[in-house]
């Protein structure tokens, strides 16, 4: 079966995955991942970049021999760095050595001495060594504005979602998914020891928009399914919600793959050729965030919404009526099957119930299908047996 047929089966209801009914499993997986993220965040802590801690940054260009560059950079700056300060080095683009350290002795004079020492150590002209001093206040200002932007974003998102979907519970479920993605991404940076730079912060904020977009698409389909279920009384709220996730599953996968491929390509080039820098920091945050955002929109947001709304009086009354209709219909079909099985020889091997559903006779192949056309058995576990004669030649009599 091709992927296109697989997606069509999900959309029409011929094939269903029980995302909502197995929400405890998804919650458990998410809880474990978040626990690991928080362990890295509060245990190991974030590896803040120079922009947040303050210090000195040098770029030594045109280095023909980068062998043992870390030890050579540390040796060159040994006389300039302050007590207890570390020297961090990396290679960018194959011929540029980036050196970062904390405060230097002598301020601007120490900066010039450090540039000369690095030029001598790596055998390049002094003009090829760029150096700058970075104060910690700049990074603090970036962090403060990022927190303000996050607060404003979440507030506006909550208001818009509550008005658009006409229930605050959808806004709450979407916000929980957003915070889930943010905590996981930041925690993954802490756990892996990746450096957090201003570009990383931009990536953290960007993934919120992607996660929200994916969740809203699922919620919009959910609202459409729920309206239809309320009108025709053919599916419970959980079944309608699960159908929405299945109907948008292929779209979510395709969108995520299309978004992840170019980001993965940038990551490969960044790690293999360019080295640490703005592009690598941004793409790393985006890659983790997009992947976890897809997970949360499918496995967290919709199951949580169902859990929040199943206690509402209107939803409870609707679900009870739907279950009663489904039980009555299933019992009627089973009774007709028994009548057909007990019919004298030569009688028609099949019958139809009042809704036009074919009921299998003694010679029919029985197949399990959902109770209502297009409706999954989410959270209910009930299906009805119906069938079709084994021989295509007999189909015309139906």
Protein backbone atom coordinates (compact mmCIF):
# COMPACT_ATOMS: atom_id res chain seq x y z
CA UNK A 1 0.00 0.00 0.00
CA UNK A 2 1.37 3.39 -1.02
CA UNK A 3 1.72 6.38 1.30
CA UNK A 4 -1.03 8.20 -0.61
CA UNK A 5 -3.45 5.30 -0.07
CA UNK A 6 -2.42 5.17 3.59
CA UNK A 7 -3.28 8.86 3.98
CA UNK A 8 -6.59 8.38 2.16
CA UNK A 9 -7.50 5.49 4.47
CA UNK A 10 -6.78 7.65 7.51
CA UNK A 11 -8.88 10.51 6.14
CA UNK A 12 -11.89 8.33 5.27
CA UNK A 13 -11.77 6.34 8.50
CA UNK A 14 -10.92 2.96 6.94
CA UNK A 15 -7.76 2.94 9.09
CA UNK A 16 -7.45 4.53 12.53
CA UNK A 17 -4.75 4.88 15.18
CA UNK A 18 -6.00 5.27 18.73
CA UNK A 19 -4.15 8.46 19.74
CA UNK A 20 -6.78 9.69 22.20
CA UNK A 21 -7.60 6.36 23.83
CA UNK A 22 -3.93 5.68 24.60
CA UNK A 23 -3.21 9.12 26.01
CA UNK A 24 -1.79 7.73 29.26
CA UNK A 25 1.02 6.12 27.26
CA UNK A 26 1.82 9.39 25.48
CA UNK A 27 1.71 11.29 28.78
CA UNK A 28 4.17 8.82 30.26
CA UNK A 29 6.59 9.14 27.34
CA UNK A 30 6.34 12.92 27.51
CA UNK A 31 6.84 12.94 31.29
CA UNK A 32 10.02 10.89 30.98
CA UNK A 33 11.41 13.20 28.29
CA UNK A 34 10.54 16.30 30.30
CA UNK A 35 12.11 14.80 33.44
CA UNK A 36 15.36 14.28 31.53
CA UNK A 37 15.15 17.83 30.19
CA UNK A 38 14.60 19.30 33.65
CA UNK A 39 17.43 17.17 35.01
CA UNK A 40 19.76 18.73 32.47
CA UNK A 41 18.34 22.21 33.00
CA UNK A 42 18.56 22.30 36.81
CA UNK A 43 21.30 19.73 37.29
CA UNK A 44 23.86 20.53 34.64
CA UNK A 45 22.61 24.00 33.79
CA UNK A 46 22.74 25.93 30.52
CA UNK A 47 26.03 26.45 28.76
CA UNK A 48 25.61 30.18 28.22
CA UNK A 49 27.57 31.78 25.43
CA UNK A 50 29.94 34.70 25.70
CA UNK A 51 27.15 37.16 24.93
CA UNK A 52 25.45 36.25 28.23
CA UNK A 53 28.49 35.83 30.48
CA UNK A 54 30.76 38.55 29.09
CA UNK A 55 34.40 38.18 28.05
CA UNK A 56 36.62 38.36 24.99
CA UNK A 57 36.15 36.91 21.53
CA UNK A 58 38.94 36.44 18.95
CA UNK A 59 38.88 35.20 15.34
CA UNK A 60 42.22 34.08 13.92
CA UNK A 61 41.84 33.88 10.12
CA UNK A 62 44.05 32.16 7.56
CA UNK A 63 45.49 29.50 9.88
CA UNK A 64 47.24 26.93 7.69
CA UNK A 65 47.85 24.44 10.51
CA UNK A 66 45.05 23.93 13.02
CA UNK A 67 46.72 20.97 14.72
CA UNK A 68 46.29 21.07 18.50
CA UNK A 69 44.61 24.47 18.23
CA UNK A 70 43.04 24.31 21.70
CA UNK A 71 46.35 23.90 23.55
CA UNK A 72 48.02 26.52 21.37
CA UNK A 73 45.28 29.09 22.02
CA UNK A 74 45.43 28.45 25.76
CA UNK A 75 49.21 28.80 25.72
CA UNK A 76 49.05 32.10 23.81
CA UNK A 77 46.57 33.66 26.26
CA UNK A 78 48.00 32.19 29.43
CA UNK A 79 49.54 35.51 30.50
CA UNK A 80 46.42 37.60 29.69
CA UNK A 81 43.49 35.62 31.10
CA UNK A 82 42.29 36.25 34.61
CA UNK A 83 42.55 33.73 37.43
CA UNK A 84 40.05 30.92 37.11
CA UNK A 85 39.08 31.84 33.54
CA UNK A 86 38.96 29.14 30.86
CA UNK A 87 39.86 29.40 27.19
CA UNK A 88 37.45 27.82 24.70
CA UNK A 89 38.51 27.28 21.11
CA UNK A 90 36.90 25.96 17.94
CA UNK A 91 37.62 25.85 14.22
CA UNK A 92 35.26 27.68 11.86
CA UNK A 93 35.30 27.01 8.13
CA UNK A 94 38.53 25.01 8.26
CA UNK A 95 40.97 27.96 8.42
CA UNK A 96 39.62 30.22 11.17
CA UNK A 97 40.20 29.57 14.86
CA UNK A 98 37.67 31.09 17.24
CA UNK A 99 38.94 31.72 20.75
CA UNK A 100 36.74 32.80 23.65
CA UNK A 101 37.72 33.59 27.19
CA UNK A 102 36.58 35.56 30.18
CA UNK A 103 38.00 38.85 31.35
CA UNK A 104 41.51 39.84 30.26
CA UNK A 105 44.15 41.53 32.35
CA UNK A 106 44.65 45.14 31.32
CA UNK A 107 41.35 45.81 29.51
CA UNK A 108 41.87 47.18 25.99
CA UNK A 109 45.65 46.98 26.38
CA UNK A 110 45.31 43.33 27.29
CA UNK A 111 43.13 42.83 24.20
CA UNK A 112 45.93 44.10 21.94
CA UNK A 113 48.49 41.91 23.70
CA UNK A 114 46.22 38.88 23.29
CA UNK A 115 45.81 39.56 19.56
CA UNK A 116 49.59 39.77 19.13
CA UNK A 117 50.14 36.57 21.10
CA UNK A 118 47.56 34.67 19.02
CA UNK A 119 49.05 35.99 15.76
CA UNK A 120 52.48 34.78 16.81
CA UNK A 121 51.26 31.40 18.01
CA UNK A 122 49.31 30.61 14.83
CA UNK A 123 51.85 32.27 12.52
CA UNK A 124 49.52 34.81 10.90
CA UNK A 125 49.75 38.61 10.50
CA UNK A 126 48.36 40.62 13.41
CA UNK A 127 45.78 42.21 11.10
CA UNK A 128 44.21 38.76 10.58
CA UNK A 129 43.33 38.49 14.25
CA UNK A 130 40.04 40.19 15.18
CA UNK A 131 39.25 40.73 18.84
CA UNK A 132 36.35 42.24 20.78
CA UNK A 133 35.21 42.68 24.35
CA UNK A 134 31.64 41.65 25.19
CA UNK A 135 29.91 42.89 28.34
CA UNK A 136 27.42 40.67 30.21
CA UNK A 137 24.84 43.47 30.29
CA UNK A 138 24.10 42.98 26.58
CA UNK A 139 23.21 39.33 27.11
CA UNK A 140 21.05 40.16 30.12
CA UNK A 141 19.14 42.70 28.05
CA UNK A 142 18.56 40.12 25.31
CA UNK A 143 17.30 37.63 27.89
CA UNK A 144 14.97 40.18 29.47
CA UNK A 145 13.45 41.15 26.13
CA UNK A 146 13.10 37.50 25.15
CA UNK A 147 11.11 36.77 28.31
CA UNK A 148 8.89 39.81 27.67
CA UNK A 149 8.34 38.70 24.06
CA UNK A 150 7.45 35.21 25.25
CA UNK A 151 4.91 36.55 27.74
CA UNK A 152 3.25 38.81 25.18
CA UNK A 153 3.19 36.00 22.63
CA UNK A 154 1.55 33.52 25.00
CA UNK A 155 -1.01 36.11 26.12
CA UNK A 156 -2.05 37.00 22.58
CA UNK A 157 -2.13 33.36 21.53
CA UNK A 158 -4.41 32.48 24.45
CA UNK A 159 -6.82 35.29 23.58
CA UNK A 160 -6.95 34.52 19.86
CA UNK A 161 -7.42 30.77 20.36
CA UNK A 162 -10.13 31.24 22.99
CA UNK A 163 -12.07 33.58 20.68
CA UNK A 164 -11.55 31.53 17.52
CA UNK A 165 -12.46 28.14 18.99
CA UNK A 166 -15.01 29.56 21.44
CA UNK A 167 -13.55 27.70 24.41
CA UNK A 168 -10.63 28.52 26.70
CA UNK A 169 -9.84 24.82 27.06
CA UNK A 170 -8.51 24.67 23.51
CA UNK A 171 -6.27 27.64 24.30
CA UNK A 172 -5.06 25.90 27.46
CA UNK A 173 -4.28 22.64 25.64
CA UNK A 174 -2.37 24.54 22.94
CA UNK A 175 -0.37 26.47 25.56
CA UNK A 176 0.54 23.28 27.41
CA UNK A 177 1.86 21.86 24.13
CA UNK A 178 3.85 25.07 23.52
CA UNK A 179 5.44 25.02 26.98
CA UNK A 180 6.14 21.30 26.54
CA UNK A 181 8.09 22.06 23.36
CA UNK A 182 9.97 24.99 24.89
CA UNK A 183 11.01 23.14 28.06
CA UNK A 184 12.08 20.08 26.11
CA UNK A 185 14.17 22.07 23.63
CA UNK A 186 15.91 24.18 26.25
CA UNK A 187 16.43 21.11 28.43
CA UNK A 188 17.95 19.22 25.51
CA UNK A 189 20.46 22.05 25.06
CA UNK A 190 21.36 21.84 28.74
CA UNK A 191 21.57 18.04 28.79
CA UNK A 192 23.80 17.88 25.69
CA UNK A 193 25.91 20.87 26.73
CA UNK A 194 25.16 22.88 23.59
CA UNK A 195 26.07 26.54 23.87
CA UNK A 196 23.13 28.93 24.21
CA UNK A 197 23.64 32.08 22.16
CA UNK A 198 21.27 34.88 21.09
CA UNK A 199 20.67 32.88 17.89
CA UNK A 200 19.57 29.94 20.02
CA UNK A 201 17.11 32.17 21.86
CA UNK A 202 15.68 33.29 18.51
CA UNK A 203 15.30 29.62 17.59
CA UNK A 204 13.49 28.88 20.85
CA UNK A 205 10.94 31.60 20.11
CA UNK A 206 10.57 30.55 16.46
CA UNK A 207 9.63 26.95 17.25
CA UNK A 208 6.65 28.18 19.28
CA UNK A 209 5.06 29.52 16.11
CA UNK A 210 5.61 26.22 14.28
CA UNK A 211 4.19 24.15 17.12
CA UNK A 212 1.17 26.42 17.41
CA UNK A 213 0.51 26.24 13.66
CA UNK A 214 0.48 22.44 13.67
CA UNK A 215 -1.79 22.31 16.73
CA UNK A 216 -4.29 24.81 15.31
CA UNK A 217 -4.66 22.77 12.11
CA UNK A 218 -5.58 19.69 14.15
CA UNK A 219 -7.95 21.69 16.36
CA UNK A 220 -9.69 23.22 13.36
CA UNK A 221 -10.40 19.76 11.93
CA UNK A 222 -11.48 18.62 15.38
CA UNK A 223 -14.03 21.40 15.62
CA UNK A 224 -15.43 20.44 12.23
CA UNK A 225 -15.75 16.79 13.26
CA UNK A 226 -17.31 17.65 16.61
CA UNK A 227 -19.94 19.86 14.97
CA UNK A 228 -20.86 17.01 12.64
CA UNK A 229 -20.93 14.49 15.50
CA UNK A 230 -23.17 16.74 17.60
CA UNK A 231 -25.56 17.11 14.68
CA UNK A 232 -25.81 13.47 13.64
CA UNK A 233 -25.08 11.78 16.99
CA UNK A 234 -22.85 9.26 15.25
CA UNK A 235 -19.59 9.66 17.21
CA UNK A 236 -18.54 10.48 20.75
CA UNK A 237 -16.40 13.53 21.39
CA UNK A 238 -13.32 11.33 21.82
CA UNK A 239 -14.01 9.52 18.55
CA UNK A 240 -14.46 12.79 16.66
CA UNK A 241 -11.22 14.15 18.13
CA UNK A 242 -9.27 11.00 17.33
CA UNK A 243 -10.57 11.08 13.75
CA UNK A 244 -9.30 14.66 13.43
CA UNK A 245 -5.78 13.63 14.47
CA UNK A 246 -5.81 10.73 12.01
CA UNK A 247 -7.12 12.91 9.18
CA UNK A 248 -4.32 15.46 9.67
CA UNK A 249 -1.58 12.94 10.49
CA UNK A 250 -0.15 12.65 6.98
CA UNK A 251 -0.23 16.40 6.56
CA UNK A 252 1.67 16.84 9.85
CA UNK A 253 4.27 14.27 8.80
CA UNK A 254 4.74 15.83 5.36
CA UNK A 255 5.02 19.36 6.76
CA UNK A 256 7.52 18.27 9.39
CA UNK A 257 9.69 16.37 6.92
CA UNK A 258 9.74 19.29 4.50
CA UNK A 259 10.71 21.63 7.34
CA UNK A 260 13.32 19.31 8.85
CA UNK A 261 15.19 18.42 5.67
CA UNK A 262 16.69 21.87 4.95
CA UNK A 263 17.36 22.43 8.64
CA UNK A 264 19.14 19.07 8.79
CA UNK A 265 21.21 20.04 5.76
CA UNK A 266 22.26 23.28 7.48
CA UNK A 267 23.15 21.31 10.60
CA UNK A 268 25.30 18.89 8.59
CA UNK A 269 27.16 21.75 6.93
CA UNK A 270 27.47 23.58 10.24
CA UNK A 271 28.92 20.65 12.14
CA UNK A 272 31.09 19.43 9.26
CA UNK A 273 32.33 22.64 7.63
CA UNK A 274 31.34 25.93 9.23
CA UNK A 275 31.75 25.10 12.90
CA UNK A 276 30.11 26.97 15.79
CA UNK A 277 28.29 30.14 14.85
CA UNK A 278 24.94 31.85 14.46
CA UNK A 279 23.73 29.55 11.68
CA UNK A 280 24.52 26.38 13.61
CA UNK A 281 22.96 27.66 16.85
CA UNK A 282 19.75 28.69 15.10
CA UNK A 283 19.38 25.52 13.04
CA UNK A 284 20.03 23.27 16.05
CA UNK A 285 17.25 24.91 18.07
CA UNK A 286 14.88 24.73 15.09
CA UNK A 287 15.60 21.05 14.41
CA UNK A 288 14.89 19.96 17.98
CA UNK A 289 11.89 22.26 18.31
CA UNK A 290 10.20 21.23 15.05
CA UNK A 291 10.57 17.54 15.87
CA UNK A 292 9.16 17.86 19.38
CA UNK A 293 6.47 20.28 18.14
CA UNK A 294 5.16 17.64 15.75
CA UNK A 295 5.06 15.13 18.61
CA UNK A 296 3.13 17.46 20.92
CA UNK A 297 0.52 18.46 18.34
CA UNK A 298 -0.33 14.79 17.72
CA UNK A 299 0.18 13.08 21.06
CA UNK A 300 -0.29 15.81 23.66
CA UNK A 301 -2.55 18.70 22.58
CA UNK A 302 -5.61 16.78 21.32
CA UNK A 303 -5.66 14.02 23.98
CA UNK A 304 -5.33 16.71 26.66
CA UNK A 305 -8.20 18.69 25.13
CA UNK A 306 -10.42 15.60 25.17
CA UNK A 307 -9.57 14.99 28.80
CA UNK A 308 -10.39 18.61 29.68
CA UNK A 309 -13.76 18.61 27.90
CA UNK A 310 -15.11 15.13 28.64
CA UNK A 311 -16.36 16.31 32.02
CA UNK A 312 -18.62 19.02 30.56
CA UNK A 313 -22.37 18.26 31.00
CA UNK A 314 -23.10 18.78 27.30
CA UNK A 315 -20.28 16.45 26.21
CA UNK A 316 -21.27 13.80 28.76
CA UNK A 317 -24.89 13.86 27.61
CA UNK A 318 -23.85 13.65 23.95
CA UNK A 319 -21.46 10.75 24.57
CA UNK A 320 -24.10 8.85 26.55
CA UNK A 321 -26.65 9.22 23.75
CA UNK A 322 -24.15 8.14 21.09
CA UNK A 323 -23.11 5.07 23.10
CA UNK A 324 -26.76 4.11 23.59
CA UNK A 325 -27.42 4.37 19.85
CA UNK A 326 -24.30 2.38 19.06
CA UNK A 327 -25.27 -0.38 21.48
CA UNK A 328 -28.80 -0.55 20.09
CA UNK A 329 -27.54 -0.70 16.54
CA UNK A 330 -24.96 -3.37 17.35
CA UNK A 331 -27.58 -5.49 19.13
CA UNK A 332 -29.95 -5.18 16.17
CA UNK A 333 -27.29 -6.32 13.74
CA UNK A 334 -26.28 -9.24 15.96
CA UNK A 335 -29.95 -10.30 16.22
CA UNK A 336 -30.36 -10.24 12.43
CA UNK A 337 -27.18 -12.25 12.02
CA UNK A 338 -28.55 -14.88 14.36
CA UNK A 339 -31.85 -14.95 12.47
CA UNK A 340 -29.99 -15.35 9.20
CA UNK A 341 -27.88 -18.14 10.66
CA UNK A 342 -31.01 -19.98 11.87
CA UNK A 343 -32.92 -19.50 8.61
CA UNK A 344 -33.93 -22.67 6.64
CA UNK A 345 -31.67 -23.85 3.85
CA UNK A 346 -32.11 -21.84 0.67
CA UNK A 347 -33.04 -18.66 2.50
CA UNK A 348 -31.14 -15.51 1.72
CA UNK A 349 -27.75 -15.67 3.48
CA UNK A 350 -27.82 -11.96 4.19
CA UNK A 351 -30.15 -9.34 5.52
CA UNK A 352 -30.09 -5.65 6.06
CA UNK A 353 -30.82 -3.70 9.19
CA UNK A 354 -32.94 -0.60 9.23
CA UNK A 355 -29.96 1.59 8.28
CA UNK A 356 -29.14 -0.40 5.17
CA UNK A 357 -26.12 -2.19 6.69
CA UNK A 358 -25.49 -5.66 5.31
CA UNK A 359 -25.66 -8.37 7.96
CA UNK A 360 -23.56 -11.44 7.30
CA UNK A 361 -25.23 -14.76 6.74
CA UNK A 362 -23.72 -18.25 7.16
CA UNK A 363 -21.70 -17.99 3.94
CA UNK A 364 -20.52 -14.40 4.36
CA UNK A 365 -17.03 -13.26 5.28
CA UNK A 366 -17.35 -11.26 8.49
CA UNK A 367 -15.34 -8.06 8.88
CA UNK A 368 -15.00 -5.78 11.91
CA UNK A 369 -15.83 -2.17 11.12
CA UNK A 370 -16.48 0.86 13.32
CA UNK A 371 -19.93 1.33 14.76
CA UNK A 372 -20.64 4.49 12.77
CA UNK A 373 -19.50 5.08 9.25
CA UNK A 374 -16.13 6.80 9.34
CA UNK A 375 -16.01 6.72 13.14
CA UNK A 376 -13.10 5.11 15.01
CA UNK A 377 -13.48 2.91 18.04
CA UNK A 378 -11.43 5.36 20.13
CA UNK A 379 -11.79 4.91 23.81
CA UNK A 380 -14.80 2.68 23.30
CA UNK A 381 -13.33 -0.53 21.97
CA UNK A 382 -16.68 -1.46 20.37
CA UNK A 383 -17.10 -2.57 16.79
CA UNK A 384 -19.95 -4.25 14.98
CA UNK A 385 -19.70 -7.21 12.68
CA UNK A 386 -20.92 -6.85 9.17
CA UNK A 387 -20.04 -8.71 6.05
CA UNK A 388 -20.23 -9.24 2.33
CA UNK A 389 -20.69 -12.50 0.38
CA UNK A 390 -17.43 -14.13 -0.46
CA UNK A 391 -18.12 -14.26 -4.17
CA UNK A 392 -18.19 -10.99 -6.21
CA UNK A 393 -20.92 -12.46 -8.37
CA UNK A 394 -23.31 -12.29 -5.43
CA UNK A 395 -22.69 -8.54 -4.77
CA UNK A 396 -25.27 -7.48 -7.28
CA UNK A 397 -28.08 -8.84 -5.10
CA UNK A 398 -27.28 -6.33 -2.35
